[in-house]
């Protein structure tokens, strides 16, 4: 869940491709499910539950603008976690983005529904995403864009081998490294 009491600044993180992947398994009776047509509302519900969007309608609009025109990529790159209760508990996408004017791998939209947090699902999603990149993408660093509101996730990313980047930029989004790091140092233990 986002902590919107913290000042908001965008940051970029980067992971060298050749780092070993620490395997984080799903808990018993949870399973990974790849995107299938019609799961847009599932994605929107998960992302809205963590505060990334104000409404599922806004999340669906974003999905339509960003993802829907690439159904074959979604089926290989967007993953959900199905819980033992037969509900969807989290999602992540192994996407592509323009980083420093070149196309690159992007760990994108990782979220775990609040009632399923602190069960290791975020770690398992990151592991799964890194494995997807190993299977389908060319060599090169893996990036992600995040914000100070997501300091709990930033701790997970750091543990998975990502580092906060001073100079990289994803798309037109600003990398506010100088403003973000002092705030993150108050909340992220291993920074």
N, C-alpha and C. Protein backbone atom coordinates (compact mmCIF):
# COMPACT_ATOMS: atom_id res chain seq x y z
N UNK A 1 0.85 -1.18 0.00
CA UNK A 1 0.00 0.00 0.00
C UNK A 1 0.89 1.24 0.00
N UNK A 2 0.51 2.20 -0.76
CA UNK A 2 1.26 3.45 -0.81
C UNK A 2 1.10 4.22 0.49
N UNK A 3 2.16 4.87 0.91
CA UNK A 3 2.10 5.73 2.09
C UNK A 3 2.11 7.18 1.60
N UNK A 4 0.94 7.74 1.45
CA UNK A 4 0.81 9.08 0.88
C UNK A 4 1.04 10.18 1.91
N UNK A 5 1.49 9.82 3.11
CA UNK A 5 1.88 10.83 4.09
C UNK A 5 3.33 11.27 3.87
N UNK A 6 4.05 10.51 3.06
CA UNK A 6 5.45 10.80 2.74
C UNK A 6 5.48 11.74 1.53
N UNK A 7 6.38 12.72 1.49
CA UNK A 7 6.49 13.56 0.28
C UNK A 7 6.74 12.70 -0.96
N UNK A 8 6.12 13.07 -2.06
CA UNK A 8 6.18 12.29 -3.30
C UNK A 8 7.32 12.77 -4.20
N UNK A 9 8.20 11.83 -4.56
CA UNK A 9 9.23 12.07 -5.58
C UNK A 9 9.42 10.78 -6.37
N UNK A 10 9.60 10.93 -7.69
CA UNK A 10 9.85 9.80 -8.58
C UNK A 10 11.31 9.41 -8.55
N UNK A 11 11.57 8.11 -8.62
CA UNK A 11 12.94 7.63 -8.73
C UNK A 11 12.99 6.45 -9.70
N UNK A 12 14.20 6.19 -10.18
CA UNK A 12 14.45 5.08 -11.08
C UNK A 12 15.39 4.11 -10.37
N UNK A 13 15.12 2.83 -10.56
CA UNK A 13 16.01 1.80 -10.02
C UNK A 13 16.48 0.92 -11.18
N UNK A 14 17.65 0.33 -11.00
CA UNK A 14 18.25 -0.47 -12.08
C UNK A 14 18.90 -1.71 -11.47
N UNK A 15 18.80 -2.82 -12.21
CA UNK A 15 19.42 -4.08 -11.79
C UNK A 15 20.24 -4.62 -12.95
N UNK A 16 21.49 -4.99 -12.67
CA UNK A 16 22.32 -5.62 -13.69
C UNK A 16 21.72 -6.98 -14.04
N UNK A 17 21.69 -7.26 -15.32
CA UNK A 17 21.06 -8.50 -15.79
C UNK A 17 21.78 -9.75 -15.30
N UNK A 18 23.10 -9.68 -15.16
CA UNK A 18 23.86 -10.88 -14.84
C UNK A 18 23.90 -11.22 -13.35
N UNK A 19 23.24 -10.46 -12.52
CA UNK A 19 23.16 -10.81 -11.10
C UNK A 19 22.35 -12.10 -10.93
N UNK A 20 22.74 -12.94 -10.00
CA UNK A 20 21.92 -14.15 -9.78
C UNK A 20 20.54 -13.77 -9.24
N UNK A 21 19.58 -14.58 -9.58
CA UNK A 21 18.21 -14.36 -9.10
C UNK A 21 18.02 -15.18 -7.84
N UNK A 22 17.70 -14.51 -6.74
CA UNK A 22 17.37 -15.21 -5.50
C UNK A 22 15.94 -15.72 -5.65
N UNK A 23 15.77 -17.01 -5.51
CA UNK A 23 14.45 -17.61 -5.73
C UNK A 23 13.58 -17.42 -4.48
N UNK A 24 12.45 -16.81 -4.69
CA UNK A 24 11.44 -16.64 -3.64
C UNK A 24 10.18 -17.34 -4.13
N UNK A 25 9.87 -18.46 -3.51
CA UNK A 25 8.73 -19.27 -3.91
C UNK A 25 7.42 -18.69 -3.38
N UNK A 26 6.35 -19.03 -4.06
CA UNK A 26 5.02 -18.69 -3.55
C UNK A 26 4.70 -19.58 -2.35
N UNK A 27 3.94 -19.06 -1.40
CA UNK A 27 3.47 -19.92 -0.30
C UNK A 27 2.59 -21.05 -0.86
N UNK A 28 2.43 -22.10 -0.08
CA UNK A 28 1.59 -23.23 -0.50
C UNK A 28 0.20 -22.77 -0.91
N UNK A 29 -0.30 -23.40 -1.95
CA UNK A 29 -1.66 -23.21 -2.47
C UNK A 29 -1.88 -21.88 -3.18
N UNK A 30 -0.82 -21.09 -3.38
CA UNK A 30 -0.89 -19.91 -4.24
C UNK A 30 -0.31 -20.32 -5.59
N UNK A 31 -0.77 -19.68 -6.65
CA UNK A 31 -0.23 -20.03 -7.97
C UNK A 31 -0.13 -18.79 -8.87
N UNK A 32 0.83 -18.87 -9.81
CA UNK A 32 0.96 -17.82 -10.81
C UNK A 32 0.00 -18.11 -11.96
N UNK A 33 -0.65 -17.08 -12.44
CA UNK A 33 -1.56 -17.16 -13.58
C UNK A 33 -1.14 -16.07 -14.55
N UNK A 34 -0.92 -16.44 -15.81
CA UNK A 34 -0.60 -15.43 -16.82
C UNK A 34 -1.89 -14.76 -17.31
N UNK A 35 -1.74 -13.52 -17.74
CA UNK A 35 -2.85 -12.73 -18.27
C UNK A 35 -3.56 -13.47 -19.39
N UNK A 36 -4.88 -13.39 -19.37
CA UNK A 36 -5.73 -13.83 -20.47
C UNK A 36 -6.72 -12.70 -20.75
N UNK A 37 -7.14 -12.58 -21.98
CA UNK A 37 -8.10 -11.55 -22.35
C UNK A 37 -9.26 -11.56 -21.36
N UNK A 38 -9.61 -10.37 -20.88
CA UNK A 38 -10.70 -10.23 -19.93
C UNK A 38 -10.23 -9.99 -18.50
N UNK A 39 -8.90 -10.08 -18.27
CA UNK A 39 -8.38 -9.89 -16.92
C UNK A 39 -8.03 -8.44 -16.63
N UNK A 40 -8.47 -7.54 -17.50
CA UNK A 40 -8.18 -6.13 -17.31
C UNK A 40 -8.77 -5.63 -15.99
N UNK A 41 -9.99 -6.04 -15.69
CA UNK A 41 -10.64 -5.60 -14.45
C UNK A 41 -9.93 -6.17 -13.22
N UNK A 42 -9.38 -7.36 -13.35
CA UNK A 42 -8.60 -7.94 -12.24
C UNK A 42 -7.39 -7.06 -11.96
N UNK A 43 -6.66 -6.70 -13.01
CA UNK A 43 -5.50 -5.83 -12.87
C UNK A 43 -5.91 -4.49 -12.25
N UNK A 44 -6.97 -3.90 -12.77
CA UNK A 44 -7.44 -2.61 -12.27
C UNK A 44 -7.83 -2.68 -10.79
N UNK A 45 -8.47 -3.76 -10.40
CA UNK A 45 -8.86 -3.92 -9.00
C UNK A 45 -7.66 -4.02 -8.07
N UNK A 46 -6.66 -4.79 -8.47
CA UNK A 46 -5.45 -4.93 -7.65
C UNK A 46 -4.74 -3.59 -7.53
N UNK A 47 -4.51 -2.91 -8.64
CA UNK A 47 -3.78 -1.65 -8.62
C UNK A 47 -4.53 -0.56 -7.86
N UNK A 48 -5.85 -0.57 -7.95
CA UNK A 48 -6.64 0.41 -7.20
C UNK A 48 -6.60 0.10 -5.70
N UNK A 49 -6.56 -1.18 -5.35
CA UNK A 49 -6.56 -1.57 -3.93
C UNK A 49 -5.33 -1.06 -3.19
N UNK A 50 -4.22 -0.85 -3.90
CA UNK A 50 -2.99 -0.36 -3.25
C UNK A 50 -2.83 1.15 -3.37
N UNK A 51 -3.79 1.82 -4.00
CA UNK A 51 -3.77 3.27 -4.08
C UNK A 51 -3.08 3.85 -5.30
N UNK A 52 -2.75 3.01 -6.29
CA UNK A 52 -2.10 3.52 -7.50
C UNK A 52 -3.07 4.35 -8.36
N UNK A 53 -4.34 4.05 -8.27
CA UNK A 53 -5.37 4.79 -9.01
C UNK A 53 -6.48 5.17 -8.05
N UNK A 54 -7.17 6.25 -8.34
CA UNK A 54 -8.29 6.69 -7.51
C UNK A 54 -9.53 5.85 -7.70
N UNK A 55 -9.63 5.20 -8.86
CA UNK A 55 -10.80 4.36 -9.14
C UNK A 55 -10.40 3.27 -10.13
N UNK A 56 -11.19 2.21 -10.15
CA UNK A 56 -10.95 1.15 -11.12
C UNK A 56 -11.17 1.66 -12.54
N UNK A 57 -12.05 2.62 -12.71
CA UNK A 57 -12.27 3.21 -14.03
C UNK A 57 -10.99 3.88 -14.54
N UNK A 58 -10.32 4.64 -13.67
CA UNK A 58 -9.05 5.26 -14.06
C UNK A 58 -8.00 4.21 -14.39
N UNK A 59 -7.96 3.14 -13.59
CA UNK A 59 -7.00 2.06 -13.84
C UNK A 59 -7.30 1.38 -15.17
N UNK A 60 -8.56 1.14 -15.47
CA UNK A 60 -8.93 0.52 -16.75
C UNK A 60 -8.58 1.43 -17.92
N UNK A 61 -8.77 2.73 -17.76
CA UNK A 61 -8.38 3.68 -18.81
C UNK A 61 -6.87 3.58 -19.08
N UNK A 62 -6.08 3.52 -18.00
CA UNK A 62 -4.63 3.38 -18.16
C UNK A 62 -4.30 2.07 -18.88
N UNK A 63 -4.95 0.99 -18.46
CA UNK A 63 -4.71 -0.32 -19.08
C UNK A 63 -5.00 -0.26 -20.58
N UNK A 64 -6.11 0.37 -20.94
CA UNK A 64 -6.48 0.49 -22.35
C UNK A 64 -5.44 1.28 -23.14
N UNK A 65 -4.96 2.36 -22.56
CA UNK A 65 -3.98 3.22 -23.24
C UNK A 65 -2.61 2.56 -23.36
N UNK A 66 -2.22 1.78 -22.37
CA UNK A 66 -0.85 1.28 -22.29
C UNK A 66 -0.68 -0.16 -22.76
N UNK A 67 -1.60 -1.03 -22.41
CA UNK A 67 -1.38 -2.45 -22.60
C UNK A 67 -2.23 -3.13 -23.66
N UNK A 68 -3.48 -2.72 -23.82
CA UNK A 68 -4.45 -3.54 -24.55
C UNK A 68 -4.06 -3.79 -26.01
N UNK A 69 -3.28 -2.89 -26.62
CA UNK A 69 -2.91 -3.09 -28.02
C UNK A 69 -1.79 -4.12 -28.20
N UNK A 70 -1.32 -4.73 -27.09
CA UNK A 70 -0.26 -5.74 -27.14
C UNK A 70 -0.70 -7.05 -26.50
N UNK A 71 -1.79 -7.66 -26.96
CA UNK A 71 -2.31 -8.85 -26.27
C UNK A 71 -1.30 -10.01 -26.22
N UNK A 72 -0.52 -10.19 -27.29
CA UNK A 72 0.44 -11.29 -27.30
C UNK A 72 1.55 -11.08 -26.27
N UNK A 73 1.92 -9.82 -26.04
CA UNK A 73 2.93 -9.52 -25.02
C UNK A 73 2.35 -9.70 -23.61
N UNK A 74 1.11 -9.29 -23.43
CA UNK A 74 0.48 -9.43 -22.12
C UNK A 74 0.43 -10.89 -21.68
N UNK A 75 0.13 -11.79 -22.62
CA UNK A 75 0.02 -13.21 -22.29
C UNK A 75 1.36 -13.81 -21.88
N UNK A 76 2.46 -13.19 -22.24
CA UNK A 76 3.80 -13.67 -21.87
C UNK A 76 4.41 -12.89 -20.72
N UNK A 77 3.93 -11.67 -20.49
CA UNK A 77 4.64 -10.75 -19.60
C UNK A 77 3.87 -10.29 -18.36
N UNK A 78 2.55 -10.43 -18.35
CA UNK A 78 1.76 -9.99 -17.20
C UNK A 78 1.35 -11.22 -16.40
N UNK A 79 1.66 -11.17 -15.10
CA UNK A 79 1.42 -12.32 -14.23
C UNK A 79 0.56 -11.88 -13.03
N UNK A 80 -0.28 -12.78 -12.58
CA UNK A 80 -1.09 -12.58 -11.39
C UNK A 80 -0.80 -13.71 -10.41
N UNK A 81 -1.09 -13.46 -9.15
CA UNK A 81 -1.06 -14.52 -8.15
C UNK A 81 -2.50 -14.81 -7.75
N UNK A 82 -2.84 -16.08 -7.84
CA UNK A 82 -4.16 -16.55 -7.41
C UNK A 82 -4.00 -17.15 -6.02
N UNK A 83 -4.87 -16.75 -5.11
CA UNK A 83 -4.78 -17.18 -3.70
C UNK A 83 -5.51 -18.51 -3.50
N UNK A 84 -5.29 -19.14 -2.35
CA UNK A 84 -6.04 -20.36 -2.03
C UNK A 84 -7.54 -20.12 -1.96
N UNK A 85 -7.93 -18.86 -1.71
CA UNK A 85 -9.36 -18.51 -1.65
C UNK A 85 -9.94 -18.26 -3.04
N UNK A 86 -9.11 -18.49 -4.08
CA UNK A 86 -9.53 -18.33 -5.48
C UNK A 86 -9.76 -16.87 -5.87
N UNK A 87 -9.05 -15.95 -5.19
CA UNK A 87 -9.08 -14.54 -5.56
C UNK A 87 -7.70 -14.16 -6.05
N UNK A 88 -7.59 -13.02 -6.69
CA UNK A 88 -6.29 -12.56 -7.20
C UNK A 88 -5.65 -11.64 -6.16
N UNK A 89 -4.43 -12.01 -5.78
CA UNK A 89 -3.76 -11.36 -4.66
C UNK A 89 -2.66 -10.39 -5.08
N UNK A 90 -2.19 -10.47 -6.33
CA UNK A 90 -1.10 -9.59 -6.75
C UNK A 90 -0.87 -9.68 -8.24
N UNK A 91 -0.03 -8.77 -8.74
CA UNK A 91 0.30 -8.74 -10.15
C UNK A 91 1.65 -8.07 -10.37
N UNK A 92 2.26 -8.37 -11.51
CA UNK A 92 3.49 -7.73 -11.95
C UNK A 92 3.57 -7.90 -13.46
N UNK A 93 4.31 -7.00 -14.12
CA UNK A 93 4.45 -7.07 -15.57
C UNK A 93 5.91 -6.88 -15.96
N UNK A 94 6.40 -7.78 -16.79
CA UNK A 94 7.76 -7.70 -17.36
C UNK A 94 7.64 -6.96 -18.69
N UNK A 95 7.70 -5.64 -18.66
CA UNK A 95 7.36 -4.81 -19.81
C UNK A 95 8.60 -4.23 -20.47
N UNK A 96 8.41 -3.33 -21.38
CA UNK A 96 9.47 -2.60 -22.08
C UNK A 96 9.18 -1.12 -21.96
N UNK A 97 10.24 -0.31 -21.96
CA UNK A 97 10.07 1.15 -21.89
C UNK A 97 11.28 1.81 -22.53
N UNK A 98 11.12 3.08 -22.80
CA UNK A 98 12.25 3.88 -23.28
C UNK A 98 13.00 4.40 -22.06
N UNK A 99 14.26 3.98 -21.95
CA UNK A 99 15.13 4.41 -20.85
C UNK A 99 16.35 5.06 -21.49
N UNK A 100 16.58 6.32 -21.14
CA UNK A 100 17.71 7.06 -21.71
C UNK A 100 17.70 6.99 -23.24
N UNK A 101 16.52 7.16 -23.83
CA UNK A 101 16.31 7.20 -25.28
C UNK A 101 16.47 5.85 -25.97
N UNK A 102 16.52 4.74 -25.22
CA UNK A 102 16.64 3.41 -25.82
C UNK A 102 15.63 2.48 -25.16
N UNK A 103 15.16 1.49 -25.91
CA UNK A 103 14.23 0.52 -25.35
C UNK A 103 14.96 -0.40 -24.38
N UNK A 104 14.31 -0.68 -23.25
CA UNK A 104 14.93 -1.51 -22.21
C UNK A 104 13.86 -2.28 -21.44
N UNK A 105 14.30 -3.28 -20.69
CA UNK A 105 13.42 -4.08 -19.84
C UNK A 105 12.93 -3.24 -18.66
N UNK A 106 11.66 -3.38 -18.32
CA UNK A 106 11.04 -2.60 -17.25
C UNK A 106 10.18 -3.49 -16.37
N UNK A 107 10.57 -3.65 -15.11
CA UNK A 107 9.71 -4.29 -14.12
C UNK A 107 8.61 -3.26 -13.83
N UNK A 108 7.36 -3.65 -14.06
CA UNK A 108 6.29 -2.66 -14.13
C UNK A 108 5.07 -3.08 -13.31
N UNK A 109 4.53 -2.15 -12.55
CA UNK A 109 3.25 -2.28 -11.86
C UNK A 109 3.18 -3.50 -10.94
N UNK A 110 4.13 -3.65 -10.06
CA UNK A 110 4.07 -4.70 -9.04
C UNK A 110 3.13 -4.23 -7.93
N UNK A 111 2.18 -5.08 -7.59
CA UNK A 111 1.23 -4.73 -6.51
C UNK A 111 0.72 -6.00 -5.85
N UNK A 112 0.54 -5.93 -4.54
CA UNK A 112 -0.07 -7.01 -3.77
C UNK A 112 -1.24 -6.41 -3.00
N UNK A 113 -2.41 -7.01 -3.12
CA UNK A 113 -3.61 -6.56 -2.43
C UNK A 113 -3.31 -6.48 -0.93
N UNK A 114 -3.73 -5.39 -0.26
CA UNK A 114 -3.36 -5.19 1.15
C UNK A 114 -3.56 -6.39 2.07
N UNK A 115 -4.67 -7.09 1.96
CA UNK A 115 -4.89 -8.21 2.89
C UNK A 115 -3.97 -9.40 2.63
N UNK A 116 -3.23 -9.38 1.52
CA UNK A 116 -2.28 -10.45 1.21
C UNK A 116 -0.82 -10.02 1.38
N UNK A 117 -0.60 -8.81 1.83
CA UNK A 117 0.76 -8.33 2.02
C UNK A 117 1.41 -9.01 3.23
N UNK A 118 2.73 -8.97 3.26
CA UNK A 118 3.54 -9.58 4.33
C UNK A 118 3.45 -11.10 4.36
N UNK A 119 3.23 -11.70 3.18
CA UNK A 119 3.21 -13.16 3.05
C UNK A 119 4.30 -13.64 2.08
N UNK A 120 5.15 -12.72 1.62
CA UNK A 120 6.19 -13.09 0.66
C UNK A 120 5.76 -13.03 -0.79
N UNK A 121 4.55 -12.54 -1.05
CA UNK A 121 4.04 -12.51 -2.43
C UNK A 121 4.78 -11.49 -3.30
N UNK A 122 5.14 -10.33 -2.72
CA UNK A 122 5.89 -9.33 -3.49
C UNK A 122 7.24 -9.87 -3.92
N UNK A 123 7.93 -10.54 -3.02
CA UNK A 123 9.23 -11.15 -3.35
C UNK A 123 9.05 -12.19 -4.46
N UNK A 124 8.01 -13.01 -4.36
CA UNK A 124 7.76 -14.03 -5.37
C UNK A 124 7.43 -13.40 -6.73
N UNK A 125 6.68 -12.31 -6.72
CA UNK A 125 6.37 -11.62 -7.98
C UNK A 125 7.64 -11.08 -8.64
N UNK A 126 8.52 -10.48 -7.85
CA UNK A 126 9.76 -9.95 -8.40
C UNK A 126 10.59 -11.08 -8.99
N UNK A 127 10.71 -12.19 -8.27
CA UNK A 127 11.44 -13.35 -8.78
C UNK A 127 10.86 -13.82 -10.10
N UNK A 128 9.54 -13.91 -10.17
CA UNK A 128 8.87 -14.37 -11.39
C UNK A 128 9.14 -13.42 -12.55
N UNK A 129 9.07 -12.13 -12.29
CA UNK A 129 9.31 -11.14 -13.33
C UNK A 129 10.75 -11.24 -13.85
N UNK A 130 11.70 -11.36 -12.96
CA UNK A 130 13.10 -11.50 -13.38
C UNK A 130 13.29 -12.77 -14.20
N UNK A 131 12.61 -13.85 -13.84
CA UNK A 131 12.69 -15.09 -14.61
C UNK A 131 12.10 -14.91 -16.01
N UNK A 132 11.01 -14.16 -16.12
CA UNK A 132 10.42 -13.89 -17.44
C UNK A 132 11.42 -13.14 -18.30
N UNK A 133 12.06 -12.12 -17.73
CA UNK A 133 13.07 -11.39 -18.50
C UNK A 133 14.20 -12.31 -18.95
N UNK A 134 14.61 -13.23 -18.11
CA UNK A 134 15.67 -14.18 -18.47
C UNK A 134 15.24 -15.04 -19.65
N UNK A 135 13.97 -15.38 -19.72
CA UNK A 135 13.46 -16.25 -20.78
C UNK A 135 13.22 -15.54 -22.10
N UNK A 136 12.78 -14.27 -22.08
CA UNK A 136 12.31 -13.67 -23.33
C UNK A 136 13.04 -12.43 -23.81
N UNK A 137 13.90 -11.84 -23.00
CA UNK A 137 14.50 -10.57 -23.40
C UNK A 137 15.99 -10.68 -23.69
N UNK A 138 16.47 -9.73 -24.47
CA UNK A 138 17.90 -9.64 -24.73
C UNK A 138 18.64 -9.10 -23.51
N UNK A 139 19.95 -9.28 -23.47
CA UNK A 139 20.73 -8.81 -22.31
C UNK A 139 20.62 -7.30 -22.12
N UNK A 140 20.91 -6.87 -20.93
CA UNK A 140 20.89 -5.45 -20.59
C UNK A 140 20.26 -5.27 -19.23
N UNK A 141 20.43 -4.12 -18.62
CA UNK A 141 19.87 -3.90 -17.29
C UNK A 141 18.34 -3.95 -17.30
N UNK A 142 17.80 -4.20 -16.13
CA UNK A 142 16.35 -4.16 -15.93
C UNK A 142 16.07 -2.93 -15.07
N UNK A 143 15.11 -2.14 -15.48
CA UNK A 143 14.78 -0.89 -14.79
C UNK A 143 13.40 -0.99 -14.14
N UNK A 144 13.15 -0.07 -13.24
CA UNK A 144 11.80 0.15 -12.74
C UNK A 144 11.68 1.60 -12.31
N UNK A 145 10.47 2.09 -12.39
CA UNK A 145 10.15 3.44 -11.95
C UNK A 145 9.28 3.31 -10.72
N UNK A 146 9.62 4.05 -9.68
CA UNK A 146 8.83 4.00 -8.46
C UNK A 146 8.82 5.39 -7.83
N UNK A 147 8.33 5.48 -6.61
CA UNK A 147 8.22 6.77 -5.94
C UNK A 147 8.41 6.57 -4.45
N UNK A 148 8.67 7.65 -3.78
CA UNK A 148 8.90 7.59 -2.33
C UNK A 148 7.71 7.01 -1.58
N UNK A 149 6.50 7.18 -2.08
CA UNK A 149 5.32 6.60 -1.44
C UNK A 149 5.43 5.08 -1.35
N UNK A 150 6.24 4.47 -2.19
CA UNK A 150 6.38 3.01 -2.25
C UNK A 150 7.64 2.53 -1.53
N UNK A 151 7.99 3.17 -0.44
CA UNK A 151 9.26 2.82 0.22
C UNK A 151 9.30 1.37 0.68
N UNK A 152 8.17 0.76 1.01
CA UNK A 152 8.18 -0.65 1.41
C UNK A 152 8.58 -1.53 0.23
N UNK A 153 8.05 -1.25 -0.94
CA UNK A 153 8.43 -2.00 -2.14
C UNK A 153 9.89 -1.74 -2.51
N UNK A 154 10.36 -0.53 -2.27
CA UNK A 154 11.76 -0.21 -2.58
C UNK A 154 12.69 -1.13 -1.78
N UNK A 155 12.34 -1.42 -0.54
CA UNK A 155 13.12 -2.37 0.25
C UNK A 155 13.18 -3.75 -0.42
N UNK A 156 12.06 -4.20 -0.97
CA UNK A 156 12.03 -5.48 -1.70
C UNK A 156 12.92 -5.42 -2.94
N UNK A 157 12.83 -4.30 -3.67
CA UNK A 157 13.63 -4.16 -4.88
C UNK A 157 15.13 -4.16 -4.55
N UNK A 158 15.51 -3.47 -3.50
CA UNK A 158 16.92 -3.46 -3.09
C UNK A 158 17.39 -4.87 -2.76
N UNK A 159 16.57 -5.63 -2.05
CA UNK A 159 16.92 -7.00 -1.70
C UNK A 159 17.02 -7.90 -2.93
N UNK A 160 16.34 -7.54 -4.01
CA UNK A 160 16.37 -8.32 -5.26
C UNK A 160 17.52 -7.88 -6.18
N UNK A 161 18.36 -6.95 -5.71
CA UNK A 161 19.52 -6.56 -6.50
C UNK A 161 19.40 -5.26 -7.27
N UNK A 162 18.27 -4.57 -7.12
CA UNK A 162 18.11 -3.26 -7.77
C UNK A 162 18.85 -2.21 -6.96
N UNK A 163 19.32 -1.18 -7.65
CA UNK A 163 19.95 -0.03 -7.00
C UNK A 163 19.24 1.23 -7.46
N UNK A 164 19.22 2.22 -6.60
CA UNK A 164 18.63 3.51 -6.99
C UNK A 164 19.61 4.19 -7.92
N UNK A 165 19.11 4.67 -9.04
CA UNK A 165 19.94 5.27 -10.07
C UNK A 165 19.89 6.79 -9.99
N UNK A 166 21.04 7.41 -10.12
CA UNK A 166 21.10 8.87 -10.12
C UNK A 166 20.74 9.46 -11.49
N UNK A 167 21.18 8.82 -12.56
CA UNK A 167 21.13 9.47 -13.86
C UNK A 167 20.11 8.91 -14.84
N UNK A 168 19.64 7.69 -14.66
CA UNK A 168 18.73 7.10 -15.65
C UNK A 168 17.37 7.77 -15.62
N UNK A 169 16.72 7.80 -16.80
CA UNK A 169 15.39 8.38 -16.93
C UNK A 169 14.53 7.46 -17.77
N UNK A 170 13.33 7.17 -17.28
CA UNK A 170 12.38 6.33 -17.99
C UNK A 170 11.34 7.21 -18.64
N UNK A 171 11.30 7.15 -19.98
CA UNK A 171 10.37 7.98 -20.73
C UNK A 171 10.56 9.45 -20.41
N UNK A 172 9.46 10.16 -20.26
CA UNK A 172 9.50 11.59 -19.95
C UNK A 172 9.45 11.87 -18.45
N UNK A 173 9.37 10.82 -17.65
CA UNK A 173 9.27 10.98 -16.21
C UNK A 173 10.59 11.45 -15.63
N UNK A 174 10.53 12.40 -14.73
CA UNK A 174 11.73 12.91 -14.07
C UNK A 174 12.25 11.89 -13.06
N UNK A 175 13.55 11.79 -12.94
CA UNK A 175 14.19 11.03 -11.88
C UNK A 175 14.59 12.05 -10.82
N UNK A 176 13.89 12.06 -9.70
CA UNK A 176 14.10 13.06 -8.65
C UNK A 176 15.00 12.50 -7.53
N UNK A 177 16.09 11.90 -7.93
CA UNK A 177 17.02 11.22 -7.03
C UNK A 177 17.42 12.10 -5.85
N UNK A 178 17.86 13.32 -6.13
CA UNK A 178 18.39 14.20 -5.07
C UNK A 178 17.34 14.50 -3.99
N UNK A 179 16.08 14.59 -4.38
CA UNK A 179 15.01 14.88 -3.41
C UNK A 179 14.50 13.60 -2.75
N UNK A 180 14.51 12.49 -3.49
CA UNK A 180 13.93 11.24 -2.99
C UNK A 180 14.81 10.53 -1.97
N UNK A 181 16.10 10.48 -2.21
CA UNK A 181 16.98 9.67 -1.35
C UNK A 181 16.97 10.12 0.11
N UNK A 182 17.04 11.42 0.42
CA UNK A 182 16.99 11.79 1.84
C UNK A 182 15.70 11.33 2.54
N UNK A 183 14.60 11.34 1.82
CA UNK A 183 13.33 10.87 2.39
C UNK A 183 13.38 9.36 2.59
N UNK A 184 13.87 8.64 1.58
CA UNK A 184 13.91 7.19 1.66
C UNK A 184 14.82 6.69 2.77
N UNK A 185 15.88 7.43 3.06
CA UNK A 185 16.81 7.03 4.12
C UNK A 185 16.12 6.98 5.49
N UNK A 186 15.02 7.70 5.63
CA UNK A 186 14.26 7.68 6.89
C UNK A 186 13.42 6.41 7.02
N UNK A 187 13.10 5.77 5.89
CA UNK A 187 12.14 4.67 5.89
C UNK A 187 12.71 3.33 5.44
N UNK A 188 13.75 3.34 4.65
CA UNK A 188 14.28 2.10 4.07
C UNK A 188 15.57 1.74 4.79
N UNK A 189 15.56 0.63 5.47
CA UNK A 189 16.66 0.22 6.33
C UNK A 189 17.97 -0.03 5.57
N UNK A 190 17.92 -0.72 4.46
CA UNK A 190 19.14 -1.11 3.76
C UNK A 190 19.54 -0.17 2.63
N UNK A 191 19.21 1.10 2.77
CA UNK A 191 19.54 2.08 1.72
C UNK A 191 20.89 2.71 2.02
